[in-house]
Amino acid sequence: MARKKTYEDSRKEIDETCIFCLIADDRDEETEVIKKNEELVCFRDISPAAPHHYLVVPKQHIHSCFSLHWGHIGLVKRMAEMGKAVLKDQGITDMTDVRLGFHQPPYTSVDHLHLHVLAPTSQISVHKEYKFIPRTDRFVTDECLLKRLKDNAPKVSHLGSCMLVQ
């Protein structure tokens, strides 16, 4: 009898060739993990575009934001929450001057879902700002991605005591 795959099993699936999987699995000695939990890790970007530039990645290998569906809405929210918590831990108090978002293929440098957390937005490097312009093909904010996932969620209709998913 086949054993049912659990969340714990899928969380541990990693791509041995993916640097973010290795970081998330504590197998990269050069990267300092700033914050982690059972699902996510956060660390500094190796090529920062702002004084505070962090990446939040899921431990599970997910290729990109195009791999997500409505069932990942909670994951995206938790990634954003961790990013904001790290900023607060680092002394950032003006949460109106931050940018959170994802690069979309083909503009990804690592094929593992990662949220960019940048602050202050007003100090993003002029040489790198083109990479982080919201609502472009290159960069989608966490809020826009959440809207896209919600808009693509199956529609639920109530018919008496039955629910139909369309």
Foldseek 3Di string as FASTA:
>chain_A
DDDDDDPLNQLLDDDPVFPVLCVLVVNDPVWDWPDDDSFKTKTADPDAQAPGKMKIFTNGFDQELVSDALVCLVVLVVSVVVLVVVCVVVPDDPPVQKFKKGFDPPQDPTRGYIIIIHPRNVGGHPVCVVQDDDPDNGIHGSVRSSVVRVVRAFDWDDDPPDIDTD
